[in-house]
Amino acid sequence: MDTGDWRIQMQPDSRKRIVDKIMETLKRHLLFSGQEGLQELKKIAIRLEEKIYTTATNQSDYLRKISLEILSMEIRS
């Protein structure tokens, strides 16, 4: 039985919430200055989420990789 691509079932607002969570973690652990710095952090968060989204084999793998990335950011600082 072919269930298709798991990404089709992923809601855009779910991905946005994950980007926001990554963003909050980055803001706590990286130095940034002003609106320009905030925009750079946003770009980093989006690129990280997109990379994990495209390489994950299924939704569980996606969530696991996101969680591990956030945890590693917390541990490194």
PDB file of N, CA and C in Angstrom:
ATOM      1  N   MET A   1       0.844  -1.193   0.000  1.00  0.00           N
ATOM      2  CA  MET A   1       0.000   0.000   0.000  1.00  0.00           C
ATOM      3  C   MET A   1       0.879   1.243   0.000  1.00  0.00           C
ATOM      4  N   ASP A   2       0.707   2.120  -0.985  1.00  0.00           N
ATOM      5  CA  ASP A   2       1.484   3.345  -1.098  1.00  0.00           C
ATOM      6  C   ASP A   2       0.731   4.478  -0.417  1.00  0.00           C
ATOM      7  N   THR A   3       1.313   4.997   0.660  1.00  0.00           N
ATOM      8  CA  THR A   3       0.661   6.080   1.400  1.00  0.00           C
ATOM      9  C   THR A   3       1.056   7.440   0.859  1.00  0.00           C
ATOM     10  N   GLY A   4       1.966   7.477  -0.117  1.00  0.00           N
ATOM     11  CA  GLY A   4       2.378   8.747  -0.709  1.00  0.00           C
ATOM     12  C   GLY A   4       3.394   9.475   0.140  1.00  0.00           C
ATOM     13  N   ASP A   5       3.666  10.695  -0.256  1.00  0.00           N
ATOM     14  CA  ASP A   5       4.659  11.518   0.420  1.00  0.00           C
ATOM     15  C   ASP A   5       4.072  12.085   1.715  1.00  0.00           C
ATOM     16  N   TRP A   6       4.737  11.850   2.816  1.00  0.00           N
ATOM     17  CA  TRP A   6       4.260  12.322   4.116  1.00  0.00           C
ATOM     18  C   TRP A   6       4.170  13.845   4.179  1.00  0.00           C
ATOM     19  N   ARG A   7       4.950  14.531   3.343  1.00  0.00           N
ATOM     20  CA  ARG A   7       4.984  16.000   3.380  1.00  0.00           C
ATOM     21  C   ARG A   7       3.642  16.626   2.983  1.00  0.00           C
ATOM     22  N   ILE A   8       2.867  15.907   2.172  1.00  0.00           N
ATOM     23  CA  ILE A   8       1.561  16.407   1.736  1.00  0.00           C
ATOM     24  C   ILE A   8       0.632  16.618   2.936  1.00  0.00           C
ATOM     25  N   GLN A   9       0.791  15.771   3.943  1.00  0.00           N
ATOM     26  CA  GLN A   9      -0.080  15.846   5.120  1.00  0.00           C
ATOM     27  C   GLN A   9       0.345  16.930   6.114  1.00  0.00           C
ATOM     28  N   MET A  10       1.522  17.472   5.919  1.00  0.00           N
ATOM     29  CA  MET A  10       2.062  18.477   6.842  1.00  0.00           C
ATOM     30  C   MET A  10       1.450  19.844   6.545  1.00  0.00           C
ATOM     31  N   GLN A  11       0.839  20.442   7.535  1.00  0.00           N
ATOM     32  CA  GLN A  11       0.211  21.756   7.366  1.00  0.00           C
ATOM     33  C   GLN A  11       1.270  22.865   7.396  1.00  0.00           C
ATOM     34  N   PRO A  12       1.129  23.871   6.522  1.00  0.00           N
ATOM     35  CA  PRO A  12       2.095  24.988   6.513  1.00  0.00           C
ATOM     36  C   PRO A  12       2.226  25.681   7.875  1.00  0.00           C
ATOM     37  N   ASP A  13       1.121  25.800   8.614  1.00  0.00           N
ATOM     38  CA  ASP A  13       1.199  26.460   9.924  1.00  0.00           C
ATOM     39  C   ASP A  13       1.998  25.617  10.923  1.00  0.00           C
ATOM     40  N   SER A  14       2.021  24.300  10.731  1.00  0.00           N
ATOM     41  CA  SER A  14       2.850  23.440  11.588  1.00  0.00           C
ATOM     42  C   SER A  14       4.319  23.725  11.344  1.00  0.00           C
ATOM     43  N   ARG A  15       4.682  23.865  10.088  1.00  0.00           N
ATOM     44  CA  ARG A  15       6.069  24.176   9.745  1.00  0.00           C
ATOM     45  C   ARG A  15       6.445  25.564  10.263  1.00  0.00           C
ATOM     46  N   LYS A  16       5.532  26.515  10.181  1.00  0.00           N
ATOM     47  CA  LYS A  16       5.798  27.866  10.669  1.00  0.00           C
ATOM     48  C   LYS A  16       6.034  27.844  12.181  1.00  0.00           C
ATOM     49  N   ARG A  17       5.241  27.062  12.905  1.00  0.00           N
ATOM     50  CA  ARG A  17       5.432  26.955  14.363  1.00  0.00           C
ATOM     51  C   ARG A  17       6.808  26.369  14.685  1.00  0.00           C
ATOM     52  N   ILE A  18       7.242  25.415  13.889  1.00  0.00           N
ATOM     53  CA  ILE A  18       8.552  24.811  14.117  1.00  0.00           C
ATOM     54  C   ILE A  18       9.656  25.828  13.826  1.00  0.00           C
ATOM     55  N   VAL A  19       9.515  26.589  12.737  1.00  0.00           N
ATOM     56  CA  VAL A  19      10.488  27.646  12.435  1.00  0.00           C
ATOM     57  C   VAL A  19      10.515  28.650  13.585  1.00  0.00           C
ATOM     58  N   ASP A  20       9.352  29.010  14.117  1.00  0.00           N
ATOM     59  CA  ASP A  20       9.287  29.949  15.244  1.00  0.00           C
ATOM     60  C   ASP A  20       9.996  29.391  16.470  1.00  0.00           C
ATOM     61  N   LYS A  21       9.847  28.091  16.718  1.00  0.00           N
ATOM     62  CA  LYS A  21      10.506  27.449  17.864  1.00  0.00           C
ATOM     63  C   LYS A  21      12.024  27.473  17.680  1.00  0.00           C
ATOM     64  N   ILE A  22      12.486  27.169  16.470  1.00  0.00           N
ATOM     65  CA  ILE A  22      13.921  27.231  16.176  1.00  0.00           C
ATOM     66  C   ILE A  22      14.414  28.662  16.377  1.00  0.00           C
ATOM     67  N   MET A  23      13.625  29.608  15.903  1.00  0.00           N
ATOM     68  CA  MET A  23      13.957  31.030  16.016  1.00  0.00           C
ATOM     69  C   MET A  23      14.116  31.445  17.485  1.00  0.00           C
ATOM     70  N   GLU A  24      13.192  31.031  18.330  1.00  0.00           N
ATOM     71  CA  GLU A  24      13.271  31.360  19.757  1.00  0.00           C
ATOM     72  C   GLU A  24      14.545  30.787  20.377  1.00  0.00           C
ATOM     73  N   THR A  25      14.891  29.576  19.986  1.00  0.00           N
ATOM     74  CA  THR A  25      16.111  28.955  20.500  1.00  0.00           C
ATOM     75  C   THR A  25      17.336  29.722  20.026  1.00  0.00           C
ATOM     76  N   LEU A  26      17.359  30.086  18.758  1.00  0.00           N
ATOM     77  CA  LEU A  26      18.489  30.855  18.231  1.00  0.00           C
ATOM     78  C   LEU A  26      18.622  32.194  18.948  1.00  0.00           C
ATOM     79  N   LYS A  27      17.501  32.862  19.199  1.00  0.00           N
ATOM     80  CA  LYS A  27      17.544  34.168  19.873  1.00  0.00           C
ATOM     81  C   LYS A  27      18.138  34.050  21.276  1.00  0.00           C
ATOM     82  N   ARG A  28      17.895  32.930  21.932  1.00  0.00           N
ATOM     83  CA  ARG A  28      18.431  32.745  23.281  1.00  0.00           C
ATOM     84  C   ARG A  28      19.923  32.451  23.274  1.00  0.00           C
ATOM     85  N   HIS A  29      20.433  31.907  22.181  1.00  0.00           N
ATOM     86  CA  HIS A  29      21.803  31.401  22.205  1.00  0.00           C
ATOM     87  C   HIS A  29      22.775  32.080  21.250  1.00  0.00           C
ATOM     88  N   LEU A  30      22.293  32.940  20.381  1.00  0.00           N
ATOM     89  CA  LEU A  30      23.180  33.653  19.467  1.00  0.00           C
ATOM     90  C   LEU A  30      23.028  35.155  19.675  1.00  0.00           C
ATOM     91  N   LEU A  31      24.135  35.857  19.534  1.00  0.00           N
ATOM     92  CA  LEU A  31      24.079  37.312  19.623  1.00  0.00           C
ATOM     93  C   LEU A  31      23.554  37.869  18.304  1.00  0.00           C
ATOM     94  N   PHE A  32      22.668  38.835  18.392  1.00  0.00           N
ATOM     95  CA  PHE A  32      22.171  39.505  17.197  1.00  0.00           C
ATOM     96  C   PHE A  32      21.872  40.938  17.557  1.00  0.00           C
ATOM     97  N   SER A  33      21.869  41.784  16.543  1.00  0.00           N
ATOM     98  CA  SER A  33      21.665  43.199  16.795  1.00  0.00           C
ATOM     99  C   SER A  33      20.589  43.743  15.866  1.00  0.00           C
ATOM    100  N   GLY A  34      19.556  44.303  16.453  1.00  0.00           N
ATOM    101  CA  GLY A  34      18.515  45.002  15.702  1.00  0.00           C
ATOM    102  C   GLY A  34      17.705  44.128  14.769  1.00  0.00           C
ATOM    103  N   GLN A  35      16.938  44.806  13.933  1.00  0.00           N
ATOM    104  CA  GLN A  35      16.031  44.134  13.005  1.00  0.00           C
ATOM    105  C   GLN A  35      16.791  43.312  11.967  1.00  0.00           C
ATOM    106  N   GLU A  36      17.943  43.829  11.533  1.00  0.00           N
ATOM    107  CA  GLU A  36      18.743  43.102  10.536  1.00  0.00           C
ATOM    108  C   GLU A  36      19.245  41.775  11.104  1.00  0.00           C
ATOM    109  N   GLY A  37      19.699  41.801  12.323  1.00  0.00           N
ATOM    110  CA  GLY A  37      20.155  40.579  12.991  1.00  0.00           C
ATOM    111  C   GLY A  37      19.028  39.590  13.175  1.00  0.00           C
ATOM    112  N   LEU A  38      17.862  40.107  13.514  1.00  0.00           N
ATOM    113  CA  LEU A  38      16.679  39.260  13.682  1.00  0.00           C
ATOM    114  C   LEU A  38      16.293  38.590  12.360  1.00  0.00           C
ATOM    115  N   GLN A  39      16.397  39.343  11.268  1.00  0.00           N
ATOM    116  CA  GLN A  39      16.097  38.784   9.940  1.00  0.00           C
ATOM    117  C   GLN A  39      17.086  37.681   9.581  1.00  0.00           C
ATOM    118  N   GLU A  40      18.355  37.849   9.949  1.00  0.00           N
ATOM    119  CA  GLU A  40      19.358  36.814   9.683  1.00  0.00           C
ATOM    120  C   GLU A  40      19.040  35.540  10.461  1.00  0.00           C
ATOM    121  N   LEU A  41      18.644  35.703  11.730  1.00  0.00           N
ATOM    122  CA  LEU A  41      18.265  34.531  12.525  1.00  0.00           C
ATOM    123  C   LEU A  41      17.074  33.821  11.896  1.00  0.00           C
ATOM    124  N   LYS A  42      16.124  34.580  11.386  1.00  0.00           N
ATOM    125  CA  LYS A  42      14.949  34.005  10.737  1.00  0.00           C
ATOM    126  C   LYS A  42      15.365  33.184   9.505  1.00  0.00           C
ATOM    127  N   LYS A  43      16.292  33.735   8.715  1.00  0.00           N
ATOM    128  CA  LYS A  43      16.787  33.014   7.533  1.00  0.00           C
ATOM    129  C   LYS A  43      17.462  31.707   7.935  1.00  0.00           C
ATOM    130  N   ILE A  44      18.241  31.753   9.007  1.00  0.00           N
ATOM    131  CA  ILE A  44      18.912  30.545   9.499  1.00  0.00           C
ATOM    132  C   ILE A  44      17.877  29.507   9.918  1.00  0.00           C
ATOM    133  N   ALA A  45      16.866  29.941  10.669  1.00  0.00           N
ATOM    134  CA  ALA A  45      15.818  29.030  11.138  1.00  0.00           C
ATOM    135  C   ALA A  45      15.076  28.401   9.961  1.00  0.00           C
ATOM    136  N   ILE A  46      14.750  29.198   8.961  1.00  0.00           N
ATOM    137  CA  ILE A  46      14.029  28.696   7.783  1.00  0.00           C
ATOM    138  C   ILE A  46      14.888  27.688   7.025  1.00  0.00           C
ATOM    139  N   ARG A  47      16.157  28.012   6.812  1.00  0.00           N
ATOM    140  CA  ARG A  47      17.050  27.088   6.083  1.00  0.00           C
ATOM    141  C   ARG A  47      17.210  25.770   6.829  1.00  0.00           C
ATOM    142  N   LEU A  48      17.362  25.839   8.151  1.00  0.00           N
ATOM    143  CA  LEU A  48      17.507  24.627   8.953  1.00  0.00           C
ATOM    144  C   LEU A  48      16.252  23.761   8.848  1.00  0.00           C
ATOM    145  N   GLU A  49      15.095  24.393   9.002  1.00  0.00           N
ATOM    146  CA  GLU A  49      13.837  23.633   8.913  1.00  0.00           C
ATOM    147  C   GLU A  49      13.682  23.013   7.530  1.00  0.00           C
ATOM    148  N   GLU A  50      13.970  23.773   6.477  1.00  0.00           N
ATOM    149  CA  GLU A  50      13.832  23.256   5.112  1.00  0.00           C
ATOM    150  C   GLU A  50      14.768  22.084   4.852  1.00  0.00           C
ATOM    151  N   LYS A  51      15.988  22.178   5.360  1.00  0.00           N
ATOM    152  CA  LYS A  51      16.958  21.098   5.180  1.00  0.00           C
ATOM    153  C   LYS A  51      16.444  19.822   5.841  1.00  0.00           C
ATOM    154  N   ILE A  52      15.965  19.942   7.056  1.00  0.00           N
ATOM    155  CA  ILE A  52      15.456  18.766   7.768  1.00  0.00           C
ATOM    156  C   ILE A  52      14.193  18.246   7.092  1.00  0.00           C
ATOM    157  N   TYR A  53      13.335  19.152   6.661  1.00  0.00           N
ATOM    158  CA  TYR A  53      12.085  18.775   5.993  1.00  0.00           C
ATOM    159  C   TYR A  53      12.357  17.960   4.729  1.00  0.00           C
ATOM    160  N   THR A  54      13.341  18.371   3.955  1.00  0.00           N
ATOM    161  CA  THR A  54      13.610  17.676   2.686  1.00  0.00           C
ATOM    162  C   THR A  54      14.370  16.364   2.880  1.00  0.00           C
ATOM    163  N   THR A  55      15.132  16.242   3.968  1.00  0.00           N
ATOM    164  CA  THR A  55      15.908  15.018   4.171  1.00  0.00           C
ATOM    165  C   THR A  55      15.209  13.978   5.038  1.00  0.00           C
ATOM    166  N   ALA A  56      14.185  14.376   5.763  1.00  0.00           N
ATOM    167  CA  ALA A  56      13.492  13.428   6.644  1.00  0.00           C
ATOM    168  C   ALA A  56      12.753  12.374   5.822  1.00  0.00           C
ATOM    169  N   THR A  57      12.734  11.172   6.358  1.00  0.00           N
ATOM    170  CA  THR A  57      12.079  10.067   5.643  1.00  0.00           C
ATOM    171  C   THR A  57      10.584   9.982   5.939  1.00  0.00           C
ATOM    172  N   ASN A  58      10.173  10.517   7.078  1.00  0.00           N
ATOM    173  CA  ASN A  58       8.750  10.554   7.434  1.00  0.00           C
ATOM    174  C   ASN A  58       8.555  11.624   8.511  1.00  0.00           C
ATOM    175  N   GLN A  59       7.315  11.825   8.921  1.00  0.00           N
ATOM    176  CA  GLN A  59       7.034  12.898   9.878  1.00  0.00           C
ATOM    177  C   GLN A  59       7.716  12.651  11.222  1.00  0.00           C
ATOM    178  N   SER A  60       7.768  11.415  11.661  1.00  0.00           N
ATOM    179  CA  SER A  60       8.442  11.109  12.928  1.00  0.00           C
ATOM    180  C   SER A  60       9.927  11.436  12.849  1.00  0.00           C
ATOM    181  N   ASP A  61      10.537  11.086  11.719  1.00  0.00           N
ATOM    182  CA  ASP A  61      11.945  11.390  11.503  1.00  0.00           C
ATOM    183  C   ASP A  61      12.160  12.905  11.497  1.00  0.00           C
ATOM    184  N   TYR A  62      11.269  13.620  10.840  1.00  0.00           N
ATOM    185  CA  TYR A  62      11.316  15.091  10.786  1.00  0.00           C
ATOM    186  C   TYR A  62      11.272  15.679  12.198  1.00  0.00           C
ATOM    187  N   LEU A  63      10.306  15.268  12.993  1.00  0.00           N
ATOM    188  CA  LEU A  63      10.159  15.808  14.349  1.00  0.00           C
ATOM    189  C   LEU A  63      11.334  15.413  15.235  1.00  0.00           C
ATOM    190  N   ARG A  64      11.837  14.200  15.054  1.00  0.00           N
ATOM    191  CA  ARG A  64      12.987  13.747  15.830  1.00  0.00           C
ATOM    192  C   ARG A  64      14.215  14.588  15.502  1.00  0.00           C
ATOM    193  N   LYS A  65      14.458  14.829  14.210  1.00  0.00           N
ATOM    194  CA  LYS A  65      15.626  15.620  13.801  1.00  0.00           C
ATOM    195  C   LYS A  65      15.516  17.070  14.276  1.00  0.00           C
ATOM    196  N   ILE A  66      14.313  17.639  14.206  1.00  0.00           N
ATOM    197  CA  ILE A  66      14.100  19.007  14.707  1.00  0.00           C
ATOM    198  C   ILE A  66      14.396  19.052  16.207  1.00  0.00           C
ATOM    199  N   SER A  67      13.862  18.094  16.944  1.00  0.00           N
ATOM    200  CA  SER A  67      14.068  18.053  18.395  1.00  0.00           C
ATOM    201  C   SER A  67      15.539  17.915  18.741  1.00  0.00           C
ATOM    202  N   LEU A  68      16.238  17.045  18.024  1.00  0.00           N
ATOM    203  CA  LEU A  68      17.667  16.857  18.287  1.00  0.00           C
ATOM    204  C   LEU A  68      18.462  18.121  17.979  1.00  0.00           C
ATOM    205  N   GLU A  69      18.096  18.808  16.926  1.00  0.00           N
ATOM    206  CA  GLU A  69      18.795  20.051  16.558  1.00  0.00           C
ATOM    207  C   GLU A  69      18.586  21.119  17.636  1.00  0.00           C
ATOM    208  N   ILE A  70      17.353  21.271  18.101  1.00  0.00           N
ATOM    209  CA  ILE A  70      17.067  22.255  19.155  1.00  0.00           C
ATOM    210  C   ILE A  70      17.794  21.872  20.444  1.00  0.00           C
ATOM    211  N   LEU A  71      17.764  20.591  20.772  1.00  0.00           N
ATOM    212  CA  LEU A  71      18.465  20.128  21.974  1.00  0.00           C
ATOM    213  C   LEU A  71      19.957  20.390  21.876  1.00  0.00           C
ATOM    214  N   SER A  72      20.548  20.150  20.720  1.00  0.00           N
ATOM    215  CA  SER A  72      21.984  20.389  20.564  1.00  0.00           C
ATOM    216  C   SER A  72      22.316  21.882  20.693  1.00  0.00           C
ATOM    217  N   MET A  73      21.416  22.742  20.233  1.00  0.00           N
ATOM    218  CA  MET A  73      21.628  24.185  20.409  1.00  0.00           C
ATOM    219  C   MET A  73      21.612  24.551  21.894  1.00  0.00           C
ATOM    220  N   GLU A  74      20.688  23.945  22.622  1.00  0.00           N
ATOM    221  CA  GLU A  74      20.565  24.217  24.063  1.00  0.00           C
ATOM    222  C   GLU A  74      21.813  23.744  24.803  1.00  0.00           C
ATOM    223  N   ILE A  75      22.317  22.577  24.423  1.00  0.00           N
ATOM    224  CA  ILE A  75      23.472  21.995  25.100  1.00  0.00           C
ATOM    225  C   ILE A  75      24.744  22.766  24.794  1.00  0.00           C
ATOM    226  N   ARG A  76      24.908  23.212  23.544  1.00  0.00           N
ATOM    227  CA  ARG A  76      26.141  23.898  23.135  1.00  0.00           C
ATOM    228  C   ARG A  76      26.355  25.216  23.852  1.00  0.00           C
ATOM    229  N   SER A  77      25.284  25.857  24.273  1.00  0.00           N
ATOM    230  CA  SER A  77      25.474  27.190  24.874  1.00  0.00           C
ATOM    231  C   SER A  77      25.709  27.121  26.366  1.00  0.00           C
TER     232      SER A  77
END
